[in-house]
PDB file of N, CA and C in Angstrom:
ATOM      1  N   UNK A   1      94.034  92.202  93.817  1.00  0.00           N
ATOM      2  CA  UNK A   1      94.042  93.413  93.667  1.00  0.00           C
ATOM      3  C   UNK A   1      95.146  94.284  93.884  1.00  0.00           C
ATOM      4  N   UNK A   2      96.066  95.415  93.101  1.00  0.00           N
ATOM      5  CA  UNK A   2      97.031  96.032  93.021  1.00  0.00           C
ATOM      6  C   UNK A   2      96.923  97.215  93.772  1.00  0.00           C
ATOM      7  N   UNK A   3      97.857  97.324  93.957  1.00  0.00           N
ATOM      8  CA  UNK A   3      98.154  98.424  95.003  1.00  0.00           C
ATOM      9  C   UNK A   3      99.476  99.256  94.053  1.00  0.00           C
ATOM     10  N   UNK A   4      99.263 100.507  93.075  1.00  0.00           N
ATOM     11  CA  UNK A   4     100.803 100.909  92.472  1.00  0.00           C
ATOM     12  C   UNK A   4     101.004 101.930  93.686  1.00  0.00           C
ATOM     13  N   UNK A   5     102.302 102.063  92.791  1.00  0.00           N
ATOM     14  CA  UNK A   5     102.619 103.221  93.983  1.00  0.00           C
ATOM     15  C   UNK A   5     103.398 103.982  92.651  1.00  0.00           C
ATOM     16  N   UNK A   6     102.987 104.758  92.335  1.00  0.00           N
ATOM     17  CA  UNK A   6     103.389 105.838  91.148  1.00  0.00           C
ATOM     18  C   UNK A   6     104.022 107.373  91.437  1.00  0.00           C
ATOM     19  N   UNK A   7     105.076 107.125  90.797  1.00  0.00           N
ATOM     20  CA  UNK A   7     105.818 107.871  91.352  1.00  0.00           C
ATOM     21  C   UNK A   7     105.526 109.392  90.289  1.00  0.00           C
ATOM     22  N   UNK A   8     105.164 110.512  90.772  1.00  0.00           N
ATOM     23  CA  UNK A   8     104.459 111.543  89.130  1.00  0.00           C
ATOM     24  C   UNK A   8     105.993 112.123  89.368  1.00  0.00           C
ATOM     25  N   UNK A   9     106.268 112.114  87.634  1.00  0.00           N
ATOM     26  CA  UNK A   9     107.252 112.765  86.990  1.00  0.00           C
ATOM     27  C   UNK A   9     107.139 114.427  87.502  1.00  0.00           C
ATOM     28  N   UNK A  10     108.281 114.952  86.937  1.00  0.00           N
ATOM     29  CA  UNK A  10     108.582 116.619  87.373  1.00  0.00           C
ATOM     30  C   UNK A  10     108.042 116.934  86.542  1.00  0.00           C
ATOM     31  N   UNK A  11     107.843 116.988  84.508  1.00  0.00           N
ATOM     32  CA  UNK A  11     107.111 117.162  83.962  1.00  0.00           C
ATOM     33  C   UNK A  11     105.128 117.256  84.065  1.00  0.00           C
ATOM     34  N   UNK A  12     104.976 116.478  84.841  1.00  0.00           N
ATOM     35  CA  UNK A  12     103.658 117.242  85.246  1.00  0.00           C
ATOM     36  C   UNK A  12     103.448 117.970  85.917  1.00  0.00           C
ATOM     37  N   UNK A  13     104.277 118.586  86.519  1.00  0.00           N
ATOM     38  CA  UNK A  13     104.002 119.852  87.576  1.00  0.00           C
ATOM     39  C   UNK A  13     104.027 120.946  85.773  1.00  0.00           C
ATOM     40  N   UNK A  14     105.214 121.040  85.214  1.00  0.00           N
ATOM     41  CA  UNK A  14     105.047 121.718  84.245  1.00  0.00           C
ATOM     42  C   UNK A  14     104.384 121.901  83.498  1.00  0.00           C
ATOM     43  N   UNK A  15     102.897 121.074  83.569  1.00  0.00           N
ATOM     44  CA  UNK A  15     101.812 120.888  82.292  1.00  0.00           C
ATOM     45  C   UNK A  15     100.502 120.797  83.564  1.00  0.00           C
ATOM     46  N   UNK A  16     100.698 121.595  84.470  1.00  0.00           N
ATOM     47  CA  UNK A  16      99.424 122.477  85.097  1.00  0.00           C
ATOM     48  C   UNK A  16      98.305 121.323  85.686  1.00  0.00           C
ATOM     49  N   UNK A  17      98.625 120.055  85.784  1.00  0.00           N
ATOM     50  CA  UNK A  17      97.231 119.219  85.710  1.00  0.00           C
ATOM     51  C   UNK A  17      97.257 119.165  87.074  1.00  0.00           C
ATOM     52  N   UNK A  18      96.111 118.855  87.609  1.00  0.00           N
ATOM     53  CA  UNK A  18      95.200 118.618  88.615  1.00  0.00           C
ATOM     54  C   UNK A  18      95.748 117.006  89.194  1.00  0.00           C
ATOM     55  N   UNK A  19      95.903 116.513  90.105  1.00  0.00           N
ATOM     56  CA  UNK A  19      95.919 115.648  90.421  1.00  0.00           C
ATOM     57  C   UNK A  19      94.480 114.590  90.171  1.00  0.00           C
ATOM     58  N   UNK A  20      93.817 114.834  89.828  1.00  0.00           N
ATOM     59  CA  UNK A  20      92.226 114.526  89.632  1.00  0.00           C
ATOM     60  C   UNK A  20      92.633 114.508  88.477  1.00  0.00           C
ATOM     61  N   UNK A  21      93.380 115.232  87.488  1.00  0.00           N
ATOM     62  CA  UNK A  21      93.069 115.545  85.752  1.00  0.00           C
ATOM     63  C   UNK A  21      94.086 114.218  85.551  1.00  0.00           C
ATOM     64  N   UNK A  22      95.118 113.886  85.749  1.00  0.00           N
ATOM     65  CA  UNK A  22      96.653 112.628  85.733  1.00  0.00           C
ATOM     66  C   UNK A  22      95.791 111.605  86.212  1.00  0.00           C
ATOM     67  N   UNK A  23      94.667 111.147  87.672  1.00  0.00           N
ATOM     68  CA  UNK A  23      94.457 110.285  87.408  1.00  0.00           C
ATOM     69  C   UNK A  23      93.739 110.100  86.428  1.00  0.00           C
ATOM     70  N   UNK A  24      92.336 110.450  86.195  1.00  0.00           N
ATOM     71  CA  UNK A  24      91.176 110.826  85.016  1.00  0.00           C
ATOM     72  C   UNK A  24      92.238 110.416  83.896  1.00  0.00           C
ATOM     73  N   UNK A  25      93.361 110.791  83.173  1.00  0.00           N
ATOM     74  CA  UNK A  25      93.858 110.474  81.717  1.00  0.00           C
ATOM     75  C   UNK A  25      94.290 109.527  82.290  1.00  0.00           C
ATOM     76  N   UNK A  26      95.082 108.498  83.050  1.00  0.00           N
ATOM     77  CA  UNK A  26      95.855 107.119  83.513  1.00  0.00           C
ATOM     78  C   UNK A  26      94.371 106.468  83.535  1.00  0.00           C
ATOM     79  N   UNK A  27      93.629 106.565  83.754  1.00  0.00           N
ATOM     80  CA  UNK A  27      92.341 105.705  83.890  1.00  0.00           C
ATOM     81  C   UNK A  27      91.508 105.423  82.696  1.00  0.00           C
ATOM     82  N   UNK A  28      91.042 106.653  81.651  1.00  0.00           N
ATOM     83  CA  UNK A  28      91.373 106.574  80.555  1.00  0.00           C
ATOM     84  C   UNK A  28      92.096 105.985  79.734  1.00  0.00           C
ATOM     85  N   UNK A  29      93.427 106.200  79.457  1.00  0.00           N
ATOM     86  CA  UNK A  29      94.346 105.181  79.080  1.00  0.00           C
ATOM     87  C   UNK A  29      94.105 103.951  79.770  1.00  0.00           C
ATOM     88  N   UNK A  30      93.789 103.714  80.450  1.00  0.00           N
ATOM     89  CA  UNK A  30      94.007 102.036  80.996  1.00  0.00           C
ATOM     90  C   UNK A  30      92.819 101.697  80.535  1.00  0.00           C
ATOM     91  N   UNK A  31      91.611 102.331  80.195  1.00  0.00           N
ATOM     92  CA  UNK A  31      90.244 102.098  79.534  1.00  0.00           C
ATOM     93  C   UNK A  31      90.676 101.931  78.016  1.00  0.00           C
ATOM     94  N   UNK A  32      90.847 102.136  77.461  1.00  0.00           N
ATOM     95  CA  UNK A  32      91.516 102.211  75.687  1.00  0.00           C
ATOM     96  C   UNK A  32      92.764 102.051  75.696  1.00  0.00           C
ATOM     97  N   UNK A  33      93.340 101.122  76.988  1.00  0.00           N
ATOM     98  CA  UNK A  33      94.248  99.895  76.403  1.00  0.00           C
ATOM     99  C   UNK A  33      95.212 100.901  75.521  1.00  0.00           C
ATOM    100  N   UNK A  34      95.649 102.429  75.687  1.00  0.00           N
ATOM    101  CA  UNK A  34      96.548 102.845  75.284  1.00  0.00           C
ATOM    102  C   UNK A  34      97.834 102.577  76.215  1.00  0.00           C
ATOM    103  N   UNK A  35      98.760 101.666  75.507  1.00  0.00           N
ATOM    104  CA  UNK A  35     100.372 102.363  77.152  1.00  0.00           C
ATOM    105  C   UNK A  35     100.901 103.108  76.310  1.00  0.00           C
ATOM    106  N   UNK A  36     100.965 103.722  75.682  1.00  0.00           N
ATOM    107  CA  UNK A  36     101.736 105.110  75.925  1.00  0.00           C
ATOM    108  C   UNK A  36     101.404 106.021  76.824  1.00  0.00           C
ATOM    109  N   UNK A  37      99.769 106.242  76.514  1.00  0.00           N
ATOM    110  CA  UNK A  37      99.353 106.936  77.321  1.00  0.00           C
ATOM    111  C   UNK A  37      99.541 106.836  78.505  1.00  0.00           C
ATOM    112  N   UNK A  38      99.062 105.333  79.251  1.00  0.00           N
ATOM    113  CA  UNK A  38      98.858 104.787  80.011  1.00  0.00           C
ATOM    114  C   UNK A  38     100.553 105.337  81.019  1.00  0.00           C
ATOM    115  N   UNK A  39     101.352 105.007  79.944  1.00  0.00           N
ATOM    116  CA  UNK A  39     102.918 104.907  80.727  1.00  0.00           C
ATOM    117  C   UNK A  39     103.397 106.400  81.102  1.00  0.00           C
ATOM    118  N   UNK A  40     102.581 107.045  80.207  1.00  0.00           N
ATOM    119  CA  UNK A  40     102.812 109.135  80.138  1.00  0.00           C
ATOM    120  C   UNK A  40     103.803 109.298  81.708  1.00  0.00           C
ATOM    121  N   UNK A  41     103.300 108.822  82.702  1.00  0.00           N
ATOM    122  CA  UNK A  41     102.927 109.832  84.133  1.00  0.00           C
ATOM    123  C   UNK A  41     103.684 108.779  84.350  1.00  0.00           C
ATOM    124  N   UNK A  42     103.859 107.677  84.715  1.00  0.00           N
ATOM    125  CA  UNK A  42     104.639 106.274  85.460  1.00  0.00           C
ATOM    126  C   UNK A  42     106.250 106.782  85.204  1.00  0.00           C
ATOM    127  N   UNK A  43     106.881 106.878  86.656  1.00  0.00           N
ATOM    128  CA  UNK A  43     108.448 106.683  86.782  1.00  0.00           C
ATOM    129  C   UNK A  43     109.355 105.442  86.688  1.00  0.00           C
ATOM    130  N   UNK A  44     110.239 105.941  86.270  1.00  0.00           N
ATOM    131  CA  UNK A  44     111.475 104.476  85.988  1.00  0.00           C
ATOM    132  C   UNK A  44     111.359 103.990  87.231  1.00  0.00           C
ATOM    133  N   UNK A  45     111.046 104.329  88.442  1.00  0.00           N
ATOM    134  CA  UNK A  45     111.075 103.735  89.686  1.00  0.00           C
ATOM    135  C   UNK A  45     109.919 103.006  90.057  1.00  0.00           C
ATOM    136  N   UNK A  46     109.165 103.269  89.697  1.00  0.00           N
ATOM    137  CA  UNK A  46     107.419 102.655  90.148  1.00  0.00           C
ATOM    138  C   UNK A  46     107.811 101.297  90.541  1.00  0.00           C
ATOM    139  N   UNK A  47     107.014 101.297  92.120  1.00  0.00           N
ATOM    140  CA  UNK A  47     106.969  99.873  92.043  1.00  0.00           C
ATOM    141  C   UNK A  47     105.347  99.549  92.010  1.00  0.00           C
ATOM    142  N   UNK A  48     104.807  98.146  91.858  1.00  0.00           N
ATOM    143  CA  UNK A  48     103.646  97.575  92.279  1.00  0.00           C
ATOM    144  C   UNK A  48     103.050  96.346  93.223  1.00  0.00           C
ATOM    145  N   UNK A  49     102.655  96.641  93.785  1.00  0.00           N
ATOM    146  CA  UNK A  49     102.779  95.764  95.153  1.00  0.00           C
ATOM    147  C   UNK A  49     100.953  94.976  95.078  1.00  0.00           C
ATOM    148  N   UNK A  50     101.172  93.335  95.269  1.00  0.00           N
ATOM    149  CA  UNK A  50      99.788  92.714  95.606  1.00  0.00           C
ATOM    150  C   UNK A  50      99.607  93.341  96.807  1.00  0.00           C
ATOM    151  N   UNK A  51      98.141  93.428  97.369  1.00  0.00           N
ATOM    152  CA  UNK A  51      97.801  94.074  99.113  1.00  0.00           C
ATOM    153  C   UNK A  51      98.406  92.615 100.035  1.00  0.00           C
ATOM    154  N   UNK A  52      98.383  91.755  99.907  1.00  0.00           N
ATOM    155  CA  UNK A  52      99.077  91.076 100.963  1.00  0.00           C
ATOM    156  C   UNK A  52     100.594  90.625 100.635  1.00  0.00           C
ATOM    157  N   UNK A  53     101.101  91.227 100.007  1.00  0.00           N
ATOM    158  CA  UNK A  53     102.877  91.340  99.670  1.00  0.00           C
ATOM    159  C   UNK A  53     103.063  92.429 100.075  1.00  0.00           C
ATOM    160  N   UNK A  54     104.490  92.295 101.003  1.00  0.00           N
ATOM    161  CA  UNK A  54     105.793  93.508 101.295  1.00  0.00           C
ATOM    162  C   UNK A  54     106.816  93.623 100.250  1.00  0.00           C
ATOM    163  N   UNK A  55     106.773  93.072  98.782  1.00  0.00           N
ATOM    164  CA  UNK A  55     107.933  93.536  98.166  1.00  0.00           C
ATOM    165  C   UNK A  55     106.976  93.326  96.694  1.00  0.00           C
ATOM    166  N   UNK A  56     107.679  93.805  95.893  1.00  0.00           N
ATOM    167  CA  UNK A  56     107.044  94.376  94.404  1.00  0.00           C
ATOM    168  C   UNK A  56     106.764  92.992  93.870  1.00  0.00           C
ATOM    169  N   UNK A  57     105.686  93.148  93.141  1.00  0.00           N
ATOM    170  CA  UNK A  57     105.608  92.016  91.448  1.00  0.00           C
ATOM    171  C   UNK A  57     105.975  92.396  90.667  1.00  0.00           C
ATOM    172  N   UNK A  58     105.590  94.098  90.395  1.00  0.00           N
ATOM    173  CA  UNK A  58     106.347  94.510  89.340  1.00  0.00           C
ATOM    174  C   UNK A  58     107.236  95.471  90.006  1.00  0.00           C
ATOM    175  N   UNK A  59     108.090  95.825  89.303  1.00  0.00           N
ATOM    176  CA  UNK A  59     109.202  96.924  89.654  1.00  0.00           C
ATOM    177  C   UNK A  59     110.192  97.794  88.303  1.00  0.00           C
ATOM    178  N   UNK A  60     109.832  98.678  88.136  1.00  0.00           N
ATOM    179  CA  UNK A  60     110.499  99.490  87.023  1.00  0.00           C
ATOM    180  C   UNK A  60     109.740  99.556  85.882  1.00  0.00           C
ATOM    181  N   UNK A  61     109.798 100.982  85.040  1.00  0.00           N
ATOM    182  CA  UNK A  61     108.644 101.048  84.378  1.00  0.00           C
ATOM    183  C   UNK A  61     108.742 100.380  82.861  1.00  0.00           C
ATOM    184  N   UNK A  62     109.804  99.994  82.418  1.00  0.00           N
ATOM    185  CA  UNK A  62     110.189  98.635  81.707  1.00  0.00           C
ATOM    186  C   UNK A  62     109.235  97.007  81.621  1.00  0.00           C
ATOM    187  N   UNK A  63     109.599  97.114  82.982  1.00  0.00           N
ATOM    188  CA  UNK A  63     108.644  95.524  83.297  1.00  0.00           C
ATOM    189  C   UNK A  63     106.877  95.694  83.631  1.00  0.00           C
ATOM    190  N   UNK A  64     106.762  97.530  83.575  1.00  0.00           N
ATOM    191  CA  UNK A  64     105.516  97.432  84.314  1.00  0.00           C
ATOM    192  C   UNK A  64     104.763  97.534  82.306  1.00  0.00           C
ATOM    193  N   UNK A  65     105.439  98.295  81.658  1.00  0.00           N
ATOM    194  CA  UNK A  65     105.772  98.652  80.547  1.00  0.00           C
ATOM    195  C   UNK A  65     104.783  97.033  79.657  1.00  0.00           C
ATOM    196  N   UNK A  66     105.932  96.051  79.836  1.00  0.00           N
ATOM    197  CA  UNK A  66     106.099  94.597  78.928  1.00  0.00           C
ATOM    198  C   UNK A  66     104.286  94.229  79.693  1.00  0.00           C
ATOM    199  N   UNK A  67     104.649  93.903  81.117  1.00  0.00           N
ATOM    200  CA  UNK A  67     103.121  93.068  81.798  1.00  0.00           C
ATOM    201  C   UNK A  67     101.862  94.129  81.606  1.00  0.00           C
ATOM    202  N   UNK A  68     101.627  95.083  81.248  1.00  0.00           N
ATOM    203  CA  UNK A  68     100.293  96.175  80.396  1.00  0.00           C
ATOM    204  C   UNK A  68      99.843  95.737  78.761  1.00  0.00           C
ATOM    205  N   UNK A  69     101.543  95.969  78.315  1.00  0.00           N
ATOM    206  CA  UNK A  69     101.522  95.658  77.190  1.00  0.00           C
ATOM    207  C   UNK A  69     100.664  94.571  76.120  1.00  0.00           C
ATOM    208  N   UNK A  70     100.977  93.210  77.396  1.00  0.00           N
ATOM    209  CA  UNK A  70     100.795  92.261  77.277  1.00  0.00           C
ATOM    210  C   UNK A  70      99.259  91.805  77.550  1.00  0.00           C
ATOM    211  N   UNK A  71      98.901  92.341  78.950  1.00  0.00           N
ATOM    212  CA  UNK A  71      97.230  93.054  79.031  1.00  0.00           C
ATOM    213  C   UNK A  71      96.346  92.993  78.140  1.00  0.00           C
ATOM    214  N   UNK A  72      96.702  94.772  77.247  1.00  0.00           N
ATOM    215  CA  UNK A  72      96.310  95.434  76.636  1.00  0.00           C
ATOM    216  C   UNK A  72      96.109  94.528  75.096  1.00  0.00           C
ATOM    217  N   UNK A  73      96.630  93.964  74.747  1.00  0.00           N
ATOM    218  CA  UNK A  73      96.782  92.928  73.379  1.00  0.00           C
ATOM    219  C   UNK A  73      95.903  91.427  73.998  1.00  0.00           C
ATOM    220  N   UNK A  74      96.173  91.066  74.684  1.00  0.00           N
ATOM    221  CA  UNK A  74      95.288  89.986  75.319  1.00  0.00           C
ATOM    222  C   UNK A  74      93.570  90.354  76.117  1.00  0.00           C
ATOM    223  N   UNK A  75      93.698  91.906  75.972  1.00  0.00           N
ATOM    224  CA  UNK A  75      91.941  92.415  76.370  1.00  0.00           C
ATOM    225  C   UNK A  75      91.307  92.541  75.286  1.00  0.00           C
ATOM    226  N   UNK A  76      89.948  92.231  75.053  1.00  0.00           N
ATOM    227  CA  UNK A  76      88.843  93.156  74.483  1.00  0.00           C
ATOM    228  C   UNK A  76      88.726  94.536  74.280  1.00  0.00           C
TER     229      UNK A  76
END
């Protein structure tokens, strides 16, 4: 299980989206394996943590994009 710390960019506020709408867009992007939409609301300083660990296993937007691009390409 992964807990991610997503830092929403200021551009989100300008778009007048609710937190629920942002989460739904992100979830839909994940389910559709759409890396561009998935990465849209993720900040450059994002860190992903495993539940049992105190250090991030993914650090930074570039690392997250690389990992999920590979994951999406290998997923049905």
